[in-house]
Amino acid sequence: MSDSEQPNPNEQKSRLKRRRILSISIISVALFAFLLFSKYGLVTRFSLERKKSAYYTEISELSSYQDTLRNDIKKLQYDTLEIERIAREQYGMVKPGEKVFIIKNDDK
């Protein structure tokens, strides 16, 4: 065998070094991609956190709406003035002997 056919030991070391660097780089990129984009990755986690926050906000709004409805129910069960107000406004009811004046707005 001639000298040109035998690999140089320095070349072999540099090839091995390049392969190791390439292997470590590929593994690092794959691990980074897994941490970001997998089912359990950071992107999914941040998305779920946003949804969780939105759900808590919605729960808070619905809870306050529920409290308002409970107060309305109590008013309608016990407050005769409230019942009378609703009867007058929504159903146009009047007491006997009462006069009703209808005011029309001319929006032009």
PDB file of N, CA and C in Angstrom:
ATOM      1  N   MET A   1       0.823  -1.179   0.000  1.00  0.00           N
ATOM      2  CA  MET A   1       0.000   0.000   0.000  1.00  0.00           C
ATOM      3  C   MET A   1       0.866   1.239   0.000  1.00  0.00           C
ATOM      4  N   SER A   2       0.425   2.192  -0.695  1.00  0.00           N
ATOM      5  CA  SER A   2       1.173   3.426  -0.769  1.00  0.00           C
ATOM      6  C   SER A   2       0.685   4.397   0.285  1.00  0.00           C
ATOM      7  N   ASP A   3       1.405   5.487   0.435  1.00  0.00           N
ATOM      8  CA  ASP A   3       1.065   6.492   1.434  1.00  0.00           C
ATOM      9  C   ASP A   3      -0.258   7.187   1.110  1.00  0.00           C
ATOM     10  N   SER A   4      -0.574   7.300  -0.148  1.00  0.00           N
ATOM     11  CA  SER A   4      -1.788   8.019  -0.529  1.00  0.00           C
ATOM     12  C   SER A   4      -3.042   7.204  -0.209  1.00  0.00           C
ATOM     13  N   GLU A   5      -2.935   5.884  -0.109  1.00  0.00           N
ATOM     14  CA  GLU A   5      -4.087   5.050   0.187  1.00  0.00           C
ATOM     15  C   GLU A   5      -4.373   4.983   1.679  1.00  0.00           C
ATOM     16  N   GLN A   6      -3.386   5.133   2.503  1.00  0.00           N
ATOM     17  CA  GLN A   6      -3.611   5.055   3.949  1.00  0.00           C
ATOM     18  C   GLN A   6      -4.115   6.396   4.471  1.00  0.00           C
ATOM     19  N   PRO A   7      -5.177   6.338   5.281  1.00  0.00           N
ATOM     20  CA  PRO A   7      -5.687   7.589   5.832  1.00  0.00           C
ATOM     21  C   PRO A   7      -4.721   8.180   6.848  1.00  0.00           C
ATOM     22  N   ASN A   8      -4.654   9.453   6.823  1.00  0.00           N
ATOM     23  CA  ASN A   8      -3.811  10.188   7.748  1.00  0.00           C
ATOM     24  C   ASN A   8      -4.467  10.161   9.130  1.00  0.00           C
ATOM     25  N   PRO A   9      -3.719   9.896  10.200  1.00  0.00           N
ATOM     26  CA  PRO A   9      -4.317   9.856  11.545  1.00  0.00           C
ATOM     27  C   PRO A   9      -4.945  11.193  11.947  1.00  0.00           C
ATOM     28  N   ASN A  10      -4.405  12.276  11.503  1.00  0.00           N
ATOM     29  CA  ASN A  10      -4.985  13.588  11.811  1.00  0.00           C
ATOM     30  C   ASN A  10      -6.333  13.760  11.111  1.00  0.00           C
ATOM     31  N   GLU A  11      -6.395  13.254   9.860  1.00  0.00           N
ATOM     32  CA  GLU A  11      -7.659  13.325   9.125  1.00  0.00           C
ATOM     33  C   GLU A  11      -8.729  12.480   9.794  1.00  0.00           C
ATOM     34  N   GLN A  12      -8.344  11.309  10.274  1.00  0.00           N
ATOM     35  CA  GLN A  12      -9.296  10.443  10.970  1.00  0.00           C
ATOM     36  C   GLN A  12      -9.824  11.124  12.229  1.00  0.00           C
ATOM     37  N   LYS A  13      -8.943  11.758  12.966  1.00  0.00           N
ATOM     38  CA  LYS A  13      -9.361  12.452  14.186  1.00  0.00           C
ATOM     39  C   LYS A  13     -10.313  13.608  13.864  1.00  0.00           C
ATOM     40  N   SER A  14      -9.988  14.333  12.811  1.00  0.00           N
ATOM     41  CA  SER A  14     -10.850  15.460  12.448  1.00  0.00           C
ATOM     42  C   SER A  14     -12.211  14.962  11.946  1.00  0.00           C
ATOM     43  N   ARG A  15     -12.243  13.847  11.201  1.00  0.00           N
ATOM     44  CA  ARG A  15     -13.511  13.271  10.759  1.00  0.00           C
ATOM     45  C   ARG A  15     -14.352  12.823  11.946  1.00  0.00           C
ATOM     46  N   LEU A  16     -13.696  12.148  12.889  1.00  0.00           N
ATOM     47  CA  LEU A  16     -14.411  11.699  14.090  1.00  0.00           C
ATOM     48  C   LEU A  16     -14.953  12.891  14.873  1.00  0.00           C
ATOM     49  N   LYS A  17     -14.152  13.922  14.945  1.00  0.00           N
ATOM     50  CA  LYS A  17     -14.568  15.125  15.660  1.00  0.00           C
ATOM     51  C   LYS A  17     -15.771  15.771  14.962  1.00  0.00           C
ATOM     52  N   ARG A  18     -15.733  15.863  13.641  1.00  0.00           N
ATOM     53  CA  ARG A  18     -16.859  16.422  12.877  1.00  0.00           C
ATOM     54  C   ARG A  18     -18.109  15.567  13.035  1.00  0.00           C
ATOM     55  N   ARG A  19     -17.955  14.251  13.024  1.00  0.00           N
ATOM     56  CA  ARG A  19     -19.104  13.356  13.206  1.00  0.00           C
ATOM     57  C   ARG A  19     -19.722  13.533  14.597  1.00  0.00           C
ATOM     58  N   ARG A  20     -18.875  13.638  15.589  1.00  0.00           N
ATOM     59  CA  ARG A  20     -19.388  13.845  16.955  1.00  0.00           C
ATOM     60  C   ARG A  20     -20.142  15.169  17.059  1.00  0.00           C
ATOM     61  N   ILE A  21     -19.554  16.212  16.505  1.00  0.00           N
ATOM     62  CA  ILE A  21     -20.204  17.529  16.532  1.00  0.00           C
ATOM     63  C   ILE A  21     -21.529  17.475  15.786  1.00  0.00           C
ATOM     64  N   LEU A  22     -21.529  16.809  14.616  1.00  0.00           N
ATOM     65  CA  LEU A  22     -22.758  16.679  13.841  1.00  0.00           C
ATOM     66  C   LEU A  22     -23.801  15.862  14.614  1.00  0.00           C
ATOM     67  N   SER A  23     -23.384  14.774  15.218  1.00  0.00           N
ATOM     68  CA  SER A  23     -24.302  13.934  15.992  1.00  0.00           C
ATOM     69  C   SER A  23     -24.884  14.708  17.178  1.00  0.00           C
ATOM     70  N   ILE A  24     -24.029  15.404  17.888  1.00  0.00           N
ATOM     71  CA  ILE A  24     -24.495  16.194  19.036  1.00  0.00           C
ATOM     72  C   ILE A  24     -25.431  17.295  18.568  1.00  0.00           C
ATOM     73  N   SER A  25     -25.123  17.906  17.441  1.00  0.00           N
ATOM     74  CA  SER A  25     -25.989  18.959  16.897  1.00  0.00           C
ATOM     75  C   SER A  25     -27.357  18.414  16.520  1.00  0.00           C
ATOM     76  N   ILE A  26     -27.383  17.300  15.847  1.00  0.00           N
ATOM     77  CA  ILE A  26     -28.656  16.691  15.440  1.00  0.00           C
ATOM     78  C   ILE A  26     -29.480  16.292  16.666  1.00  0.00           C
ATOM     79  N   ILE A  27     -28.836  15.688  17.631  1.00  0.00           N
ATOM     80  CA  ILE A  27     -29.539  15.295  18.860  1.00  0.00           C
ATOM     81  C   ILE A  27     -30.055  16.526  19.600  1.00  0.00           C
ATOM     82  N   SER A  28     -29.253  17.571  19.643  1.00  0.00           N
ATOM     83  CA  SER A  28     -29.674  18.803  20.321  1.00  0.00           C
ATOM     84  C   SER A  28     -30.877  19.441  19.632  1.00  0.00           C
ATOM     85  N   VAL A  29     -30.842  19.501  18.306  1.00  0.00           N
ATOM     86  CA  VAL A  29     -31.967  20.080  17.555  1.00  0.00           C
ATOM     87  C   VAL A  29     -33.228  19.238  17.761  1.00  0.00           C
ATOM     88  N   ALA A  30     -33.078  17.922  17.715  1.00  0.00           N
ATOM     89  CA  ALA A  30     -34.227  17.034  17.921  1.00  0.00           C
ATOM     90  C   ALA A  30     -34.794  17.201  19.331  1.00  0.00           C
ATOM     91  N   LEU A  31     -33.941  17.275  20.318  1.00  0.00           N
ATOM     92  CA  LEU A  31     -34.388  17.464  21.702  1.00  0.00           C
ATOM     93  C   LEU A  31     -35.059  18.815  21.873  1.00  0.00           C
ATOM     94  N   PHE A  32     -34.497  19.842  21.291  1.00  0.00           N
ATOM     95  CA  PHE A  32     -35.084  21.192  21.360  1.00  0.00           C
ATOM     96  C   PHE A  32     -36.465  21.206  20.693  1.00  0.00           C
ATOM     97  N   ALA A  33     -36.569  20.577  19.524  1.00  0.00           N
ATOM     98  CA  ALA A  33     -37.858  20.509  18.828  1.00  0.00           C
ATOM     99  C   ALA A  33     -38.870  19.729  19.658  1.00  0.00           C
ATOM    100  N   PHE A  34     -38.433  18.653  20.278  1.00  0.00           N
ATOM    101  CA  PHE A  34     -39.337  17.876  21.141  1.00  0.00           C
ATOM    102  C   PHE A  34     -39.826  18.703  22.314  1.00  0.00           C
ATOM    103  N   LEU A  35     -38.922  19.446  22.941  1.00  0.00           N
ATOM    104  CA  LEU A  35     -39.308  20.275  24.086  1.00  0.00           C
ATOM    105  C   LEU A  35     -40.282  21.376  23.699  1.00  0.00           C
ATOM    106  N   LEU A  36     -40.165  21.884  22.487  1.00  0.00           N
ATOM    107  CA  LEU A  36     -41.050  22.955  22.050  1.00  0.00           C
ATOM    108  C   LEU A  36     -42.374  22.456  21.490  1.00  0.00           C
ATOM    109  N   PHE A  37     -42.324  21.491  20.591  1.00  0.00           N
ATOM    110  CA  PHE A  37     -43.485  21.182  19.764  1.00  0.00           C
ATOM    111  C   PHE A  37     -44.162  19.847  20.044  1.00  0.00           C
ATOM    112  N   SER A  38     -43.693  19.088  20.986  1.00  0.00           N
ATOM    113  CA  SER A  38     -44.328  17.803  21.244  1.00  0.00           C
ATOM    114  C   SER A  38     -45.656  17.996  21.971  1.00  0.00           C
ATOM    115  N   LYS A  39     -46.328  16.895  22.196  1.00  0.00           N
ATOM    116  CA  LYS A  39     -47.612  16.922  22.901  1.00  0.00           C
ATOM    117  C   LYS A  39     -47.455  17.533  24.300  1.00  0.00           C
ATOM    118  N   TYR A  40     -46.316  17.362  24.892  1.00  0.00           N
ATOM    119  CA  TYR A  40     -46.045  17.881  26.237  1.00  0.00           C
ATOM    120  C   TYR A  40     -45.061  19.049  26.210  1.00  0.00           C
ATOM    121  N   GLY A  41     -44.911  19.685  25.073  1.00  0.00           N
ATOM    122  CA  GLY A  41     -43.927  20.751  24.902  1.00  0.00           C
ATOM    123  C   GLY A  41     -44.394  22.098  25.426  1.00  0.00           C
ATOM    124  N   LEU A  42     -43.503  23.054  25.298  1.00  0.00           N
ATOM    125  CA  LEU A  42     -43.761  24.390  25.816  1.00  0.00           C
ATOM    126  C   LEU A  42     -44.865  25.109  25.059  1.00  0.00           C
ATOM    127  N   VAL A  43     -44.936  24.923  23.758  1.00  0.00           N
ATOM    128  CA  VAL A  43     -45.978  25.581  22.970  1.00  0.00           C
ATOM    129  C   VAL A  43     -47.354  25.109  23.432  1.00  0.00           C
ATOM    130  N   THR A  44     -47.496  23.809  23.617  1.00  0.00           N
ATOM    131  CA  THR A  44     -48.759  23.249  24.099  1.00  0.00           C
ATOM    132  C   THR A  44     -49.063  23.750  25.501  1.00  0.00           C
ATOM    133  N   ARG A  45     -48.063  23.807  26.332  1.00  0.00           N
ATOM    134  CA  ARG A  45     -48.263  24.258  27.711  1.00  0.00           C
ATOM    135  C   ARG A  45     -48.749  25.707  27.749  1.00  0.00           C
ATOM    136  N   PHE A  46     -48.121  26.584  26.973  1.00  0.00           N
ATOM    137  CA  PHE A  46     -48.545  27.991  26.959  1.00  0.00           C
ATOM    138  C   PHE A  46     -49.955  28.133  26.400  1.00  0.00           C
ATOM    139  N   SER A  47     -50.275  27.340  25.400  1.00  0.00           N
ATOM    140  CA  SER A  47     -51.623  27.369  24.840  1.00  0.00           C
ATOM    141  C   SER A  47     -52.649  26.935  25.891  1.00  0.00           C
ATOM    142  N   LEU A  48     -52.344  25.892  26.618  1.00  0.00           N
ATOM    143  CA  LEU A  48     -53.251  25.422  27.667  1.00  0.00           C
ATOM    144  C   LEU A  48     -53.379  26.433  28.798  1.00  0.00           C
ATOM    145  N   GLU A  49     -52.304  27.117  29.129  1.00  0.00           N
ATOM    146  CA  GLU A  49     -52.362  28.145  30.168  1.00  0.00           C
ATOM    147  C   GLU A  49     -53.269  29.298  29.747  1.00  0.00           C
ATOM    148  N   ARG A  50     -53.198  29.692  28.473  1.00  0.00           N
ATOM    149  CA  ARG A  50     -54.086  30.752  27.971  1.00  0.00           C
ATOM    150  C   ARG A  50     -55.543  30.311  28.046  1.00  0.00           C
ATOM    151  N   LYS A  51     -55.814  29.072  27.639  1.00  0.00           N
ATOM    152  CA  LYS A  51     -57.183  28.556  27.713  1.00  0.00           C
ATOM    153  C   LYS A  51     -57.672  28.512  29.153  1.00  0.00           C
ATOM    154  N   LYS A  52     -56.803  28.090  30.055  1.00  0.00           N
ATOM    155  CA  LYS A  52     -57.157  28.016  31.475  1.00  0.00           C
ATOM    156  C   LYS A  52     -57.519  29.395  32.001  1.00  0.00           C
ATOM    157  N   SER A  53     -56.726  30.386  31.653  1.00  0.00           N
ATOM    158  CA  SER A  53     -56.993  31.750  32.085  1.00  0.00           C
ATOM    159  C   SER A  53     -58.327  32.246  31.528  1.00  0.00           C
ATOM    160  N   ALA A  54     -58.591  31.941  30.262  1.00  0.00           N
ATOM    161  CA  ALA A  54     -59.858  32.348  29.648  1.00  0.00           C
ATOM    162  C   ALA A  54     -61.031  31.662  30.334  1.00  0.00           C
ATOM    163  N   TYR A  55     -60.869  30.394  30.686  1.00  0.00           N
ATOM    164  CA  TYR A  55     -61.948  29.679  31.370  1.00  0.00           C
ATOM    165  C   TYR A  55     -62.207  30.260  32.759  1.00  0.00           C
ATOM    166  N   TYR A  56     -61.146  30.616  33.479  1.00  0.00           N
ATOM    167  CA  TYR A  56     -61.340  31.230  34.798  1.00  0.00           C
ATOM    168  C   TYR A  56     -62.059  32.569  34.677  1.00  0.00           C
ATOM    169  N   THR A  57     -61.726  33.338  33.650  1.00  0.00           N
ATOM    170  CA  THR A  57     -62.409  34.609  33.423  1.00  0.00           C
ATOM    171  C   THR A  57     -63.885  34.367  33.122  1.00  0.00           C
ATOM    172  N   GLU A  58     -64.158  33.395  32.279  1.00  0.00           N
ATOM    173  CA  GLU A  58     -65.549  33.072  31.934  1.00  0.00           C
ATOM    174  C   GLU A  58     -66.317  32.583  33.158  1.00  0.00           C
ATOM    175  N   ILE A  59     -65.684  31.784  33.991  1.00  0.00           N
ATOM    176  CA  ILE A  59     -66.326  31.302  35.216  1.00  0.00           C
ATOM    177  C   ILE A  59     -66.663  32.467  36.125  1.00  0.00           C
ATOM    178  N   SER A  60     -65.747  33.412  36.245  1.00  0.00           N
ATOM    179  CA  SER A  60     -65.978  34.582  37.082  1.00  0.00           C
ATOM    180  C   SER A  60     -67.155  35.406  36.565  1.00  0.00           C
ATOM    181  N   GLU A  61     -67.193  35.631  35.251  1.00  0.00           N
ATOM    182  CA  GLU A  61     -68.299  36.389  34.657  1.00  0.00           C
ATOM    183  C   GLU A  61     -69.630  35.671  34.845  1.00  0.00           C
ATOM    184  N   LEU A  62     -69.636  34.358  34.624  1.00  0.00           N
ATOM    185  CA  LEU A  62     -70.874  33.600  34.776  1.00  0.00           C
ATOM    186  C   LEU A  62     -71.324  33.540  36.235  1.00  0.00           C
ATOM    187  N   SER A  63     -70.374  33.519  37.145  1.00  0.00           N
ATOM    188  CA  SER A  63     -70.716  33.521  38.563  1.00  0.00           C
ATOM    189  C   SER A  63     -71.384  34.831  38.962  1.00  0.00           C
ATOM    190  N   SER A  64     -70.857  35.949  38.472  1.00  0.00           N
ATOM    191  CA  SER A  64     -71.483  37.237  38.791  1.00  0.00           C
ATOM    192  C   SER A  64     -72.855  37.343  38.127  1.00  0.00           C
ATOM    193  N   TYR A  65     -73.008  36.804  36.918  1.00  0.00           N
ATOM    194  CA  TYR A  65     -74.312  36.795  36.255  1.00  0.00           C
ATOM    195  C   TYR A  65     -75.304  35.932  37.038  1.00  0.00           C
ATOM    196  N   GLN A  66     -74.821  34.816  37.551  1.00  0.00           N
ATOM    197  CA  GLN A  66     -75.662  33.936  38.358  1.00  0.00           C
ATOM    198  C   GLN A  66     -76.123  34.649  39.634  1.00  0.00           C
ATOM    199  N   ASP A  67     -75.233  35.407  40.264  1.00  0.00           N
ATOM    200  CA  ASP A  67     -75.605  36.177  41.451  1.00  0.00           C
ATOM    201  C   ASP A  67     -76.676  37.211  41.118  1.00  0.00           C
ATOM    202  N   THR A  68     -76.530  37.852  39.958  1.00  0.00           N
ATOM    203  CA  THR A  68     -77.533  38.826  39.518  1.00  0.00           C
ATOM    204  C   THR A  68     -78.890  38.148  39.322  1.00  0.00           C
ATOM    205  N   LEU A  69     -78.892  36.991  38.705  1.00  0.00           N
ATOM    206  CA  LEU A  69     -80.140  36.266  38.495  1.00  0.00           C
ATOM    207  C   LEU A  69     -80.776  35.830  39.816  1.00  0.00           C
ATOM    208  N   ARG A  70     -79.951  35.424  40.770  1.00  0.00           N
ATOM    209  CA  ARG A  70     -80.485  35.042  42.086  1.00  0.00           C
ATOM    210  C   ARG A  70     -81.126  36.246  42.779  1.00  0.00           C
ATOM    211  N   ASN A  71     -80.491  37.409  42.654  1.00  0.00           N
ATOM    212  CA  ASN A  71     -81.083  38.614  43.245  1.00  0.00           C
ATOM    213  C   ASN A  71     -82.404  38.963  42.567  1.00  0.00           C
ATOM    214  N   ASP A  72     -82.462  38.808  41.252  1.00  0.00           N
ATOM    215  CA  ASP A  72     -83.709  39.069  40.528  1.00  0.00           C
ATOM    216  C   ASP A  72     -84.806  38.101  40.972  1.00  0.00           C
ATOM    217  N   ILE A  73     -84.452  36.860  41.161  1.00  0.00           N
ATOM    218  CA  ILE A  73     -85.431  35.875  41.629  1.00  0.00           C
ATOM    219  C   ILE A  73     -85.973  36.260  42.996  1.00  0.00           C
ATOM    220  N   LYS A  74     -85.076  36.660  43.905  1.00  0.00           N
ATOM    221  CA  LYS A  74     -85.521  37.070  45.248  1.00  0.00           C
ATOM    222  C   LYS A  74     -86.443  38.284  45.169  1.00  0.00           C
ATOM    223  N   LYS A  75     -86.079  39.251  44.303  1.00  0.00           N
ATOM    224  CA  LYS A  75     -86.926  40.433  44.141  1.00  0.00           C
ATOM    225  C   LYS A  75     -88.301  40.038  43.637  1.00  0.00           C
ATOM    226  N   LEU A  76     -88.345  39.143  42.663  1.00  0.00           N
ATOM    227  CA  LEU A  76     -89.627  38.744  42.088  1.00  0.00           C
ATOM    228  C   LEU A  76     -90.460  37.897  43.056  1.00  0.00           C
ATOM    229  N   GLN A  77     -89.819  37.235  43.988  1.00  0.00           N
ATOM    230  CA  GLN A  77     -90.562  36.428  44.955  1.00  0.00           C
ATOM    231  C   GLN A  77     -91.136  37.274  46.085  1.00  0.00           C
ATOM    232  N   TYR A  78     -90.427  38.313  46.506  1.00  0.00           N
ATOM    233  CA  TYR A  78     -90.820  39.015  47.728  1.00  0.00           C
ATOM    234  C   TYR A  78     -91.131  40.498  47.555  1.00  0.00           C
ATOM    235  N   ASP A  79     -90.657  41.130  46.508  1.00  0.00           N
ATOM    236  CA  ASP A  79     -90.814  42.579  46.353  1.00  0.00           C
ATOM    237  C   ASP A  79     -91.976  42.891  45.412  1.00  0.00           C
ATOM    238  N   THR A  80     -93.081  43.338  45.972  1.00  0.00           N
ATOM    239  CA  THR A  80     -94.263  43.621  45.153  1.00  0.00           C
ATOM    240  C   THR A  80     -94.042  44.833  44.249  1.00  0.00           C
ATOM    241  N   LEU A  81     -93.226  45.779  44.671  1.00  0.00           N
ATOM    242  CA  LEU A  81     -92.938  46.942  43.826  1.00  0.00           C
ATOM    243  C   LEU A  81     -92.193  46.531  42.551  1.00  0.00           C
ATOM    244  N   GLU A  82     -91.308  45.576  42.678  1.00  0.00           N
ATOM    245  CA  GLU A  82     -90.573  45.078  41.511  1.00  0.00           C
ATOM    246  C   GLU A  82     -91.524  44.356  40.554  1.00  0.00           C
ATOM    247  N   ILE A  83     -92.401  43.560  41.104  1.00  0.00           N
ATOM    248  CA  ILE A  83     -93.386  42.859  40.268  1.00  0.00           C
ATOM    249  C   ILE A  83     -94.264  43.870  39.538  1.00  0.00           C
ATOM    250  N   GLU A  84     -94.678  44.905  40.247  1.00  0.00           N
ATOM    251  CA  GLU A  84     -95.509  45.950  39.648  1.00  0.00           C
ATOM    252  C   GLU A  84     -94.758  46.692  38.544  1.00  0.00           C
ATOM    253  N   ARG A  85     -93.495  47.006  38.772  1.00  0.00           N
ATOM    254  CA  ARG A  85     -92.688  47.703  37.778  1.00  0.00           C
ATOM    255  C   ARG A  85     -92.564  46.875  36.497  1.00  0.00           C
ATOM    256  N   ILE A  86     -92.311  45.602  36.632  1.00  0.00           N
ATOM    257  CA  ILE A  86     -92.179  44.738  35.457  1.00  0.00           C
ATOM    258  C   ILE A  86     -93.509  44.623  34.722  1.00  0.00           C
ATOM    259  N   ALA A  87     -94.605  44.505  35.489  1.00  0.00           N
ATOM    260  CA  ALA A  87     -95.927  44.412  34.867  1.00  0.00           C
ATOM    261  C   ALA A  87     -96.233  45.675  34.064  1.00  0.00           C
ATOM    262  N   ARG A  88     -95.841  46.812  34.585  1.00  0.00           N
ATOM    263  CA  ARG A  88     -96.094  48.067  33.881  1.00  0.00           C
ATOM    264  C   ARG A  88     -95.206  48.211  32.645  1.00  0.00           C
ATOM    265  N   GLU A  89     -93.928  47.938  32.787  1.00  0.00           N
ATOM    266  CA  GLU A  89     -92.985  48.157  31.687  1.00  0.00           C
ATOM    267  C   GLU A  89     -93.122  47.121  30.574  1.00  0.00           C
ATOM    268  N   GLN A  90     -93.171  45.866  30.929  1.00  0.00           N
ATOM    269  CA  GLN A  90     -93.144  44.831  29.901  1.00  0.00           C
ATOM    270  C   GLN A  90     -94.519  44.486  29.350  1.00  0.00           C
ATOM    271  N   TYR A  91     -95.532  44.575  30.192  1.00  0.00           N
ATOM    272  CA  TYR A  91     -96.850  44.115  29.763  1.00  0.00           C
ATOM    273  C   TYR A  91     -97.871  45.242  29.612  1.00  0.00           C
ATOM    274  N   GLY A  92     -97.447  46.481  29.888  1.00  0.00           N
ATOM    275  CA  GLY A  92     -98.322  47.631  29.696  1.00  0.00           C
ATOM    276  C   GLY A  92     -99.542  47.639  30.611  1.00  0.00           C
ATOM    277  N   MET A  93     -99.440  47.037  31.757  1.00  0.00           N
ATOM    278  CA  MET A  93    -100.572  46.980  32.679  1.00  0.00           C
ATOM    279  C   MET A  93    -100.677  48.304  33.440  1.00  0.00           C
ATOM    280  N   VAL A  94    -101.908  48.657  33.807  1.00  0.00           N
ATOM    281  CA  VAL A  94    -102.166  49.880  34.574  1.00  0.00           C
ATOM    282  C   VAL A  94    -103.116  49.546  35.717  1.00  0.00           C
ATOM    283  N   LYS A  95    -103.087  50.390  36.723  1.00  0.00           N
ATOM    284  CA  LYS A  95    -104.014  50.234  37.846  1.00  0.00           C
ATOM    285  C   LYS A  95    -105.369  50.802  37.429  1.00  0.00           C
ATOM    286  N   PRO A  96    -106.431  50.332  38.037  1.00  0.00           N
ATOM    287  CA  PRO A  96    -107.748  50.885  37.716  1.00  0.00           C
ATOM    288  C   PRO A  96    -107.792  52.387  38.026  1.00  0.00           C
ATOM    289  N   GLY A  97    -108.319  53.166  37.088  1.00  0.00           N
ATOM    290  CA  GLY A  97    -108.444  54.602  37.266  1.00  0.00           C
ATOM    291  C   GLY A  97    -107.192  55.373  36.878  1.00  0.00           C
ATOM    292  N   GLU A  98    -106.167  54.704  36.443  1.00  0.00           N
ATOM    293  CA  GLU A  98    -104.914  55.345  36.076  1.00  0.00           C
ATOM    294  C   GLU A  98    -104.969  55.762  34.611  1.00  0.00           C
ATOM    295  N   LYS A  99    -104.369  56.899  34.286  1.00  0.00           N
ATOM    296  CA  LYS A  99    -104.300  57.353  32.898  1.00  0.00           C
ATOM    297  C   LYS A  99    -102.893  57.109  32.373  1.00  0.00           C
ATOM    298  N   VAL A 100    -102.818  56.660  31.129  1.00  0.00           N
ATOM    299  CA  VAL A 100    -101.535  56.365  30.508  1.00  0.00           C
ATOM    300  C   VAL A 100    -101.289  57.370  29.398  1.00  0.00           C
ATOM    301  N   PHE A 101    -100.113  57.986  29.431  1.00  0.00           N
ATOM    302  CA  PHE A 101     -99.720  58.925  28.381  1.00  0.00           C
ATOM    303  C   PHE A 101     -98.584  58.289  27.594  1.00  0.00           C
ATOM    304  N   ILE A 102     -98.748  58.214  26.293  1.00  0.00           N
ATOM    305  CA  ILE A 102     -97.727  57.639  25.430  1.00  0.00           C
ATOM    306  C   ILE A 102     -97.017  58.783  24.737  1.00  0.00           C
ATOM    307  N   ILE A 103     -95.714  58.828  24.914  1.00  0.00           N
ATOM    308  CA  ILE A 103     -94.888  59.872  24.313  1.00  0.00           C
ATOM    309  C   ILE A 103     -94.119  59.254  23.164  1.00  0.00           C
ATOM    310  N   LYS A 104     -94.297  59.824  21.978  1.00  0.00           N
ATOM    311  CA  LYS A 104     -93.594  59.311  20.813  1.00  0.00           C
ATOM    312  C   LYS A 104     -92.447  60.251  20.470  1.00  0.00           C
ATOM    313  N   ASN A 105     -91.319  59.676  20.166  1.00  0.00           N
ATOM    314  CA  ASN A 105     -90.158  60.447  19.736  1.00  0.00           C
ATOM    315  C   ASN A 105     -90.088  60.429  18.217  1.00  0.00           C
ATOM    316  N   ASP A 106     -89.949  61.608  17.633  1.00  0.00           N
ATOM    317  CA  ASP A 106     -89.775  61.680  16.183  1.00  0.00           C
ATOM    318  C   ASP A 106     -88.281  61.778  15.896  1.00  0.00           C
ATOM    319  N   ASP A 107     -87.683  60.660  15.597  1.00  0.00           N
ATOM    320  CA  ASP A 107     -86.253  60.638  15.279  1.00  0.00           C
ATOM    321  C   ASP A 107     -86.079  60.840  13.782  1.00  0.00           C
ATOM    322  N   LYS A 108     -85.595  62.024  13.408  1.00  0.00           N
ATOM    323  CA  LYS A 108     -85.381  62.324  11.999  1.00  0.00           C
ATOM    324  C   LYS A 108     -83.984  62.771  11.776  1.00  0.00           C
TER     325      LYS A 108
END
